[in-house]
Structures are given as structure tokens and as C-alpha cells.
Protein backbone atom coordinates (compact mmCIF):
# COMPACT_ATOMS: atom_id res chain seq x y z
CA MET A 1 31.01 -136.26 104.52
CA ASN A 2 32.43 -137.05 107.92
CA GLY A 3 30.99 -139.29 110.51
CA THR A 4 31.44 -141.64 113.54
CA VAL A 5 30.57 -145.22 114.53
CA ARG A 6 30.94 -147.06 117.81
CA LEU A 7 30.92 -150.86 117.84
CA ALA A 8 30.89 -153.40 120.63
CA PHE A 9 32.24 -156.84 120.24
CA VAL A 10 33.93 -159.77 122.11
CA VAL A 11 37.64 -160.35 121.54
CA ASP A 12 38.11 -164.11 122.22
CA SER A 13 41.05 -165.71 124.04
CA THR A 14 42.97 -166.05 120.85
CA GLY A 15 42.66 -162.27 120.11
CA ALA A 16 40.14 -162.83 117.30
CA VAL A 17 36.97 -160.80 117.01
CA ASP A 18 33.90 -162.93 117.56
CA VAL A 19 31.87 -161.85 114.62
CA ALA A 20 28.53 -163.16 116.10
CA THR A 21 28.84 -160.56 118.96
CA ILE A 22 29.44 -157.42 116.87
CA ARG A 23 26.83 -154.68 117.72
CA VAL A 24 26.50 -151.08 116.42
CA LEU A 25 26.18 -148.90 119.41
CA GLN A 26 26.11 -145.65 117.43
CA ALA A 27 26.41 -144.53 113.83
CA SER A 28 26.05 -141.20 112.24
CA ALA A 29 25.19 -142.84 108.90
CA PRO A 30 24.40 -146.39 107.72
CA GLU A 31 27.12 -146.24 105.21
CA PHE A 32 29.73 -145.68 107.98
CA ALA A 33 28.26 -148.49 110.04
CA ALA A 34 28.62 -150.84 107.14
CA ALA A 35 32.28 -149.79 106.56
CA ALA A 36 33.19 -150.23 110.23
CA LEU A 37 31.60 -153.65 110.40
CA ARG A 38 33.61 -154.78 107.29
CA ALA A 39 36.79 -153.48 108.93
CA VAL A 40 36.37 -155.04 112.39
CA ARG A 41 35.90 -158.51 111.14
CA GLY A 42 39.61 -158.53 110.14
CA TYR A 43 40.96 -157.09 113.33
CA ARG A 44 43.30 -159.03 115.60
CA PHE A 45 44.22 -158.16 119.25
CA ALA A 46 46.63 -159.16 121.70
CA PRO A 47 44.71 -161.50 124.04
CA GLU A 48 43.68 -160.17 127.41
CA GLU A 49 45.17 -162.08 130.46
CA LEU A 50 43.74 -162.64 133.94
CA ASN A 51 45.75 -164.68 136.43
CA CYS A 52 48.12 -165.80 133.61
CA ARG A 53 45.30 -167.12 131.49
CA ARG A 54 43.95 -165.73 128.33
CA VAL A 55 40.45 -164.51 128.54
CA PRO A 56 37.83 -163.10 126.22
CA ILE A 57 36.83 -159.44 126.78
CA VAL A 58 34.12 -157.07 125.46
CA ALA A 59 35.68 -154.12 123.45
CA ASP A 60 34.03 -150.90 122.60
CA GLU A 61 35.80 -149.37 119.59
CA PRO A 62 35.15 -145.95 118.06
CA PHE A 63 35.75 -145.20 114.32
CA ALA A 64 35.97 -141.73 112.80
CA PHE A 65 35.50 -141.18 109.13
CA VAL A 66 37.01 -138.00 107.87
CA ARG A 67 36.69 -136.82 104.17
CA PRO A 68 40.24 -136.03 102.77
CA MET A 69 40.92 -132.31 102.13
């Protein structure tokens, strides 16, 4: 079974995902949403900079789940 998920969340000024802000915007199946939520909790990003200062941002991340052939 294939599917997609789209999550939105805040990446803080250190590059970590603020887990309290994670939201499922779209999911083709609850199982895919659960897997994406588990995965994104461990993500790290390069912090965004504005005027030479690290700032939090809102990220919109797509996930694609494809069954191996």
C-alpha cells in the first residue's frame, strides 16, 4: 500500500523540531500519519537565520510511503 502525509511543525532556533507544534495536515491513512509523526520527532535542521540571528520557522514537510517492489 502506498500513501502520503503532510506535516507542519516549528523548527526552533537550534534546529530541533518543537514536538508540541506538530500537526497532520493531510494523511492518506492513519498508519502513515503515525509513522511520519514518529520520524519527524528525531529530525534536525540547520537553523534559519534572519539578520544574522537564528530564528524559529514553520516547516511544511511531505512524506511519501511507497511499497517496495
